[in-house]
Amino acid sequence: MKRELALEFARVTEAAALAAYKWVGRGNKDLADQAAVDAMRSMLNSIDMDGEIVIGEGEIDEAPMLYIGERLGDKESEHKVDIAVDPIEGTRMTAQGQPNAIAVLAVGNKGSFLKAPDMYMEKLIVGPGAVGAINLDDPIIDNVNRVAEKLGKTLDELSIVILDKPRHEKIIKDLQKLGVKVYALPDGDVAGSVLAAIFDSDIDMLYGIGGAPEGVISAAALKALGGEMNARLKLRSEVKGITLENDKISNYEKIRCQEMGIDITKKLTMDDLVKDDEVIFSATGITKGDLLEGIKIRGNIASTQTLLIRGKTRTIRYINSVHNLDYKSEELKELIK
C-alpha cells in the first residue's frame, strides 16, 4: 500500500471520533455508534481504494455497523484492501463519559486478514520482548511465568491487562495472589493490546475474551509492532452461558464459521490472523485514556490525537490535529455538530 494512504485512514478515525464525541456522556451508545459508523463510511468511500470490510461490529448485538462484505471506495481502484473496523471501541464508555473510548480500524492487502463472524475471541498478547513465550493451549499461569522469565522480571514486576468481566474474575484473583499487577479495564482490549507492544508502556501482556473484530485489529497492530498473539474463536454460549437465546446465536455462529471455512477449535497464530506486515493501524481518542488523549472542543475548534502505525516500516506516529469544524464537508458537519 502506498504511504500516502496511511494519512487517509487517520482522517477516517478522526472523523469517526469527532462524530461520536457529540454523544459523550449522553447515555445512548447506539446513537454514538451510528454517528461514528456514518462518518467512517463517508470517509472510507472518499479514498482511492477498493476496500472490503472483512470483519466488523454489529452482528452480536444488532448495533449499527459497517457490515462484513461491504465494499467501500472505488471498485476500479488498483489498491485492493481488507478493512477491519470498530467505529467505537467502548460505546458504553462513550455513552457514560468514561475514559478509553477510541475509534479504530486496520487495513491490509487483499486477503491478508482473517475473515470471521462478529463473535467472541479469546486472546493472549505480548510485545516484541516476549515473542515465543506464549501458548494459548497452556494455562494462563504457565504463560505468565514464561513471559516473566523471558522479560527478566519477577511476577510482582509483571503487568497484565484483562477486561473486568465476570468471566475473568477467577483469573484476575489468581494472578493478583501471585503478585502480578492486573490492570482490569471495563472495556477496550485494542488499546490494551497496543499498550502491551509499544516501547513506552509498562504493560507486558494482555489476556481475555473479547470481540473478534477487536482481535483482528489488535493482531494488525501487533504484526506492525513485532509483537505476538494467540487467539481462539469462542461461541456465545461458551462465554455467556447456556440459554435458549445464547444457543440460538451460537448455532448461527457455527454456521457462519463453516461457511467461511473456519475451524472454531483451532488456535490462531499471528499468521492466521494477519498474513503480512504491510498493514496500517489507526486509532483516534474519543475520551481521554491510557493510550490516547480525548477530543477537546472549544467553539468551532476541535483537537484530536491519533495513533498511526505503518507495518511496512514499523513507524509509529502520534498525530495531534486541530480541526476547524466550519470547514468540514456538509455531511460531516451534520454528524459532528
Protein backbone atom coordinates (compact mmCIF):
# COMPACT_ATOMS: atom_id res chain seq x y z
CA MET A 1 0.00 0.00 0.00
CA LYS A 2 1.17 3.49 -0.78
CA ARG A 3 2.47 5.54 2.16
CA GLU A 4 0.02 8.32 1.32
CA LEU A 5 -2.91 6.04 2.15
CA ALA A 6 -1.88 5.92 5.81
CA LEU A 7 -2.81 9.56 6.39
CA GLU A 8 -6.13 8.99 4.62
CA PHE A 9 -7.02 6.29 7.16
CA ALA A 10 -6.01 8.59 10.02
CA ARG A 11 -8.58 11.04 8.68
CA VAL A 12 -11.18 8.24 8.79
CA THR A 13 -10.74 7.55 12.52
CA GLU A 14 -10.56 11.29 13.25
CA ALA A 15 -13.94 11.80 11.57
CA ALA A 16 -15.49 8.85 13.40
CA ALA A 17 -14.18 10.09 16.75
CA LEU A 18 -15.44 13.63 16.15
CA ALA A 19 -18.87 12.31 15.18
CA ALA A 20 -19.02 10.11 18.28
CA TYR A 21 -17.90 12.90 20.59
CA LYS A 22 -21.21 14.74 20.40
CA TRP A 23 -22.74 11.71 22.18
CA VAL A 24 -20.19 11.50 25.01
CA GLY A 25 -21.99 11.33 28.34
CA ARG A 26 -25.48 11.36 26.79
CA GLY A 27 -26.35 7.79 27.72
CA ASN A 28 -27.17 6.48 24.22
CA LYS A 29 -24.47 4.14 22.92
CA ASP A 30 -26.43 3.18 19.78
CA LEU A 31 -26.69 6.79 18.56
CA ALA A 32 -22.97 7.28 19.29
CA ASP A 33 -22.15 4.12 17.32
CA GLN A 34 -24.40 5.15 14.42
CA ALA A 35 -22.73 8.57 14.18
CA ALA A 36 -19.26 7.00 14.12
CA VAL A 37 -20.31 4.38 11.56
CA ASP A 38 -21.81 7.01 9.24
CA ALA A 39 -18.71 9.22 9.46
CA MET A 40 -16.35 6.30 8.91
CA ARG A 41 -18.34 5.04 5.91
CA SER A 42 -18.41 8.51 4.35
CA MET A 43 -14.65 8.97 4.69
CA LEU A 44 -13.78 5.45 3.53
CA ASN A 45 -15.85 5.97 0.40
CA SER A 46 -13.75 9.04 -0.45
CA ILE A 47 -10.43 7.12 -0.54
CA ASP A 48 -8.79 5.83 -3.73
CA MET A 49 -9.09 2.13 -2.86
CA ASP A 50 -11.26 -0.91 -3.46
CA GLY A 51 -11.89 -1.87 0.15
CA GLU A 52 -13.90 -4.68 1.70
CA ILE A 53 -14.98 -4.98 5.33
CA VAL A 54 -13.77 -8.46 6.31
CA ILE A 55 -14.64 -8.22 9.99
CA GLY A 56 -16.71 -5.58 11.73
CA GLU A 57 -19.07 -4.79 14.54
CA GLY A 58 -22.79 -5.27 14.94
CA GLU A 59 -23.82 -8.87 14.37
CA ILE A 60 -23.79 -9.84 18.05
CA ASP A 61 -25.98 -7.03 19.38
CA GLU A 62 -27.69 -5.80 16.21
CA ALA A 63 -25.91 -2.47 16.55
CA PRO A 64 -25.39 -0.20 13.52
CA MET A 65 -22.42 -1.48 11.59
CA LEU A 66 -20.11 -1.48 8.66
CA TYR A 67 -21.18 -4.94 7.63
CA ILE A 68 -18.97 -7.85 6.65
CA GLY A 69 -18.62 -7.94 2.86
CA GLU A 70 -19.44 -4.23 2.41
CA ARG A 71 -17.42 -2.65 -0.41
CA LEU A 72 -16.09 0.87 0.06
CA GLY A 73 -14.15 3.34 -2.03
CA ASP A 74 -13.78 2.79 -5.78
CA LYS A 75 -14.19 -0.72 -7.19
CA GLU A 76 -11.98 0.25 -10.13
CA SER A 77 -9.07 1.31 -7.92
CA GLU A 78 -5.78 -0.60 -8.14
CA HIS A 79 -5.50 -0.55 -4.34
CA LYS A 80 -7.34 -3.71 -3.21
CA VAL A 81 -7.54 -3.84 0.58
CA ASP A 82 -9.12 -5.63 3.52
CA ILE A 83 -10.55 -3.49 6.33
CA ALA A 84 -11.23 -4.47 9.94
CA VAL A 85 -13.23 -1.87 11.85
CA ASP A 86 -14.53 -0.89 15.23
CA PRO A 87 -16.05 2.58 14.75
CA ILE A 88 -16.20 2.94 18.54
CA GLU A 89 -14.27 0.64 20.81
CA GLY A 90 -16.06 1.46 24.03
CA THR A 91 -19.60 2.51 23.08
CA ARG A 92 -20.68 2.19 26.72
CA MET A 93 -17.72 4.30 27.85
CA THR A 94 -18.64 6.93 25.26
CA ALA A 95 -22.27 6.98 26.36
CA GLN A 96 -21.29 7.26 30.03
CA GLY A 97 -18.44 9.74 29.52
CA GLN A 98 -15.82 7.28 30.76
CA PRO A 99 -12.13 7.02 29.71
CA ASN A 100 -10.51 4.93 26.97
CA ALA A 101 -13.09 5.16 24.15
CA ILE A 102 -11.45 5.19 20.72
CA ALA A 103 -12.35 4.99 17.02
CA VAL A 104 -10.15 2.38 15.36
CA LEU A 105 -9.50 0.45 12.15
CA ALA A 106 -6.85 -1.67 10.47
CA VAL A 107 -6.18 -2.01 6.75
CA GLY A 108 -4.19 -4.68 4.92
CA ASN A 109 -3.62 -6.02 1.43
CA LYS A 110 -6.46 -8.04 -0.08
CA GLY A 111 -6.65 -11.45 1.56
CA SER A 112 -4.35 -10.58 4.45
CA PHE A 113 -6.87 -10.54 7.34
CA LEU A 114 -8.79 -13.40 8.96
CA LYS A 115 -12.40 -13.37 7.77
CA ALA A 116 -14.65 -14.29 10.68
CA PRO A 117 -18.11 -13.50 12.07
CA ASP A 118 -18.59 -10.88 14.76
CA MET A 119 -18.32 -13.22 17.75
CA TYR A 120 -16.18 -13.69 20.83
CA MET A 121 -12.45 -14.36 20.73
CA GLU A 122 -10.02 -15.47 23.43
CA LYS A 123 -6.75 -13.52 23.17
CA LEU A 124 -3.24 -13.80 24.58
CA ILE A 125 -0.88 -10.98 23.60
CA VAL A 126 2.71 -9.89 24.28
CA GLY A 127 5.09 -7.31 22.87
CA PRO A 128 8.34 -7.88 20.96
CA GLY A 129 10.37 -8.71 24.08
CA ALA A 130 8.30 -11.80 24.92
CA VAL A 131 7.79 -13.32 21.46
CA GLY A 132 7.96 -17.10 21.70
CA ALA A 133 6.86 -17.23 25.35
CA ILE A 134 3.09 -17.68 24.89
CA ASN A 135 0.85 -20.61 24.03
CA LEU A 136 -2.92 -20.32 24.40
CA ASP A 137 -3.17 -24.11 24.78
CA ASP A 138 -1.40 -23.81 28.16
CA PRO A 139 -2.87 -22.44 31.43
CA ILE A 140 -2.59 -18.67 31.80
CA ILE A 141 -0.37 -19.09 34.89
CA ASP A 142 2.20 -21.03 32.81
CA ASN A 143 2.16 -18.27 30.20
CA VAL A 144 2.63 -15.57 32.80
CA ASN A 145 5.62 -17.40 34.28
CA ARG A 146 7.25 -17.81 30.85
CA VAL A 147 6.68 -14.18 29.91
CA ALA A 148 8.18 -13.00 33.20
CA GLU A 149 11.22 -15.22 32.63
CA LYS A 150 11.65 -14.04 29.02
CA LEU A 151 11.47 -10.39 30.12
CA GLY A 152 13.78 -10.95 33.08
CA LYS A 153 11.13 -9.90 35.58
CA THR A 154 9.74 -11.32 38.79
CA LEU A 155 6.00 -11.91 38.93
CA ASP A 156 5.46 -8.84 41.11
CA GLU A 157 7.16 -6.75 38.40
CA LEU A 158 4.85 -8.05 35.66
CA SER A 159 1.81 -6.07 34.44
CA ILE A 160 -1.13 -7.58 32.53
CA VAL A 161 -4.31 -6.09 31.06
CA ILE A 162 -7.51 -8.13 31.48
CA LEU A 163 -11.05 -6.98 30.78
CA ASP A 164 -13.00 -6.53 34.00
CA LYS A 165 -15.77 -9.00 33.21
CA PRO A 166 -17.40 -11.72 35.36
CA ARG A 167 -15.84 -14.40 33.13
CA HIS A 168 -12.36 -13.20 34.18
CA GLU A 169 -12.92 -12.80 37.93
CA LYS A 170 -11.14 -16.00 38.97
CA ILE A 171 -8.16 -15.43 36.69
CA ILE A 172 -7.76 -11.87 37.96
CA LYS A 173 -7.81 -13.03 41.60
CA ASP A 174 -5.40 -15.90 40.92
CA LEU A 175 -2.90 -13.59 39.24
CA GLN A 176 -3.17 -10.98 41.98
CA LYS A 177 -2.45 -13.66 44.59
CA LEU A 178 0.80 -14.36 42.74
CA GLY A 179 1.71 -10.69 42.96
CA VAL A 180 1.07 -9.87 39.28
CA LYS A 181 -0.13 -6.32 38.70
CA VAL A 182 -3.50 -6.57 36.92
CA TYR A 183 -4.98 -3.62 35.05
CA ALA A 184 -8.66 -4.58 34.90
CA LEU A 185 -10.22 -2.40 32.19
CA PRO A 186 -14.02 -2.23 31.86
CA ASP A 187 -13.75 -2.32 28.04
CA GLY A 188 -11.16 -1.67 25.38
CA ASP A 189 -8.86 -4.57 24.59
CA VAL A 190 -7.48 -2.97 21.40
CA ALA A 191 -5.96 -0.18 23.47
CA GLY A 192 -4.69 -2.76 25.96
CA SER A 193 -3.17 -4.83 23.16
CA VAL A 194 -1.27 -1.86 21.75
CA LEU A 195 -0.08 -0.86 25.23
CA ALA A 196 1.43 -4.36 25.59
CA ALA A 197 3.54 -3.83 22.46
CA ILE A 198 4.67 -0.19 22.32
CA PHE A 199 8.04 0.73 23.76
CA ASP A 200 6.91 3.48 26.15
CA SER A 201 4.35 1.42 28.10
CA ASP A 202 4.75 -0.60 31.29
CA ILE A 203 2.13 -3.18 30.20
CA ASP A 204 3.71 -6.58 29.47
CA MET A 205 0.80 -8.66 28.19
CA LEU A 206 -2.95 -8.95 27.68
CA TYR A 207 -5.29 -11.86 28.24
CA GLY A 208 -9.04 -12.23 27.98
CA ILE A 209 -12.16 -12.96 25.97
CA GLY A 210 -13.47 -10.03 23.95
CA GLY A 211 -14.70 -9.35 20.44
CA ALA A 212 -13.27 -10.96 17.29
CA PRO A 213 -13.21 -7.65 15.32
CA GLU A 214 -11.08 -6.11 18.07
CA GLY A 215 -8.90 -9.23 17.94
CA VAL A 216 -8.10 -8.87 14.24
CA ILE A 217 -7.49 -5.13 14.63
CA SER A 218 -5.17 -5.85 17.58
CA ALA A 219 -3.36 -8.50 15.55
CA ALA A 220 -2.70 -5.96 12.77
CA ALA A 221 -1.16 -3.55 15.28
CA LEU A 222 0.93 -6.32 16.84
CA LYS A 223 2.11 -7.51 13.42
CA ALA A 224 3.26 -3.98 12.69
CA LEU A 225 4.96 -3.63 16.10
CA GLY A 226 6.66 -7.03 16.13
CA GLY A 227 4.58 -8.50 18.96
CA GLU A 228 2.83 -11.87 19.17
CA MET A 229 -0.74 -13.02 19.60
CA ASN A 230 -2.54 -16.33 20.06
CA ALA A 231 -6.33 -16.42 19.72
CA ARG A 232 -9.31 -18.76 19.53
CA LEU A 233 -12.87 -18.03 18.45
CA LYS A 234 -15.49 -18.70 21.13
CA LEU A 235 -19.21 -19.35 20.82
CA ARG A 236 -21.53 -17.05 22.74
CA SER A 237 -22.83 -19.91 24.91
CA GLU A 238 -19.25 -20.74 25.94
CA VAL A 239 -18.74 -17.20 27.15
CA LYS A 240 -22.16 -16.04 28.37
CA GLY A 241 -23.65 -19.37 29.49
CA ILE A 242 -26.23 -21.75 28.08
CA THR A 243 -29.65 -20.20 27.44
CA LEU A 244 -32.12 -20.55 24.59
CA GLU A 245 -31.07 -17.18 23.18
CA ASN A 246 -27.34 -17.84 23.56
CA ASP A 247 -27.68 -21.29 21.99
CA LYS A 248 -29.55 -19.79 19.04
CA ILE A 249 -26.78 -17.25 18.48
CA SER A 250 -24.10 -19.93 18.92
CA ASN A 251 -25.70 -22.14 16.28
CA TYR A 252 -25.71 -19.20 13.89
CA GLU A 253 -22.03 -18.55 14.68
CA LYS A 254 -21.20 -22.20 13.93
CA ILE A 255 -22.95 -21.97 10.56
CA ARG A 256 -21.16 -18.72 9.68
CA CYS A 257 -17.78 -20.21 10.60
CA GLN A 258 -18.47 -23.30 8.48
CA GLU A 259 -19.44 -21.07 5.53
CA MET A 260 -16.18 -19.15 5.93
CA GLY A 261 -14.09 -22.32 6.25
CA ILE A 262 -13.04 -21.60 9.83
CA ASP A 263 -12.20 -24.33 12.35
CA ILE A 264 -13.61 -22.84 15.54
CA THR A 265 -11.49 -25.13 17.74
CA LYS A 266 -8.18 -24.09 16.17
CA LYS A 267 -5.64 -21.96 18.00
CA LEU A 268 -4.99 -18.96 15.74
CA THR A 269 -1.46 -17.60 15.45
CA MET A 270 -0.29 -14.26 14.09
CA ASP A 271 -0.05 -15.60 10.55
CA ASP A 272 -3.63 -16.93 10.76
CA LEU A 273 -4.89 -13.53 11.87
CA VAL A 274 -2.75 -11.26 9.67
CA LYS A 275 -0.71 -12.75 6.84
CA ASP A 276 1.81 -9.96 6.22
CA ASP A 277 3.12 -6.83 7.88
CA GLU A 278 2.07 -4.39 5.15
CA VAL A 279 -0.72 -3.08 7.35
CA ILE A 280 -1.97 0.28 8.56
CA PHE A 281 -3.46 0.75 12.02
CA SER A 282 -5.19 3.97 13.03
CA ALA A 283 -6.88 4.88 16.32
CA THR A 284 -8.22 8.26 17.45
CA GLY A 285 -9.15 9.02 21.04
CA ILE A 286 -12.75 9.93 21.79
CA THR A 287 -12.40 10.20 25.56
CA LYS A 288 -9.06 10.59 27.35
CA GLY A 289 -7.43 7.25 28.06
CA ASP A 290 -4.25 5.31 28.73
CA LEU A 291 -3.33 5.16 25.03
CA LEU A 292 -4.60 8.45 23.60
CA GLU A 293 -5.85 11.87 24.58
CA GLY A 294 -9.54 12.53 24.14
CA ILE A 295 -11.20 15.14 21.96
CA LYS A 296 -11.37 18.71 23.19
CA ILE A 297 -13.76 21.20 21.59
CA ARG A 298 -13.97 24.94 22.11
CA GLY A 299 -16.44 26.76 19.89
CA ASN A 300 -15.86 25.59 16.32
CA ILE A 301 -12.31 24.31 17.01
CA ALA A 302 -11.61 20.69 17.97
CA SER A 303 -8.37 18.87 18.80
CA THR A 304 -7.75 15.15 18.26
CA GLN A 305 -4.91 12.73 18.93
CA THR A 306 -4.39 9.77 16.59
CA LEU A 307 -2.01 6.81 16.79
CA LEU A 308 -0.98 5.79 13.27
CA ILE A 309 1.16 2.67 12.74
CA ARG A 310 2.54 1.60 9.37
CA GLY A 311 3.66 -2.01 9.44
CA LYS A 312 5.99 -1.99 6.45
CA THR A 313 8.35 0.44 8.17
CA ARG A 314 7.20 -0.17 11.79
CA THR A 315 6.71 3.57 12.08
CA ILE A 316 4.61 4.84 14.98
CA ARG A 317 3.21 8.33 14.71
CA TYR A 318 1.16 10.29 17.22
CA ILE A 319 -0.75 12.91 15.23
CA ASN A 320 -2.10 15.89 17.15
CA SER A 321 -4.58 17.71 14.92
CA VAL A 322 -6.61 20.90 15.24
CA HIS A 323 -9.82 20.97 13.22
CA ASN A 324 -11.91 23.97 12.24
CA LEU A 325 -15.33 22.34 12.17
CA ASP A 326 -16.73 25.04 9.90
CA TYR A 327 -14.55 23.69 7.08
CA LYS A 328 -15.64 20.06 7.23
CA SER A 329 -17.86 18.68 4.48
CA GLU A 330 -21.58 19.35 4.87
CA GLU A 331 -22.19 15.65 5.54
CA LEU A 332 -19.61 15.54 8.33
CA LYS A 333 -20.86 18.84 9.79
CA GLU A 334 -24.26 17.22 10.29
CA LEU A 335 -22.70 14.27 12.09
CA ILE A 336 -20.28 16.28 14.24
CA LYS A 337 -22.45 19.19 15.37
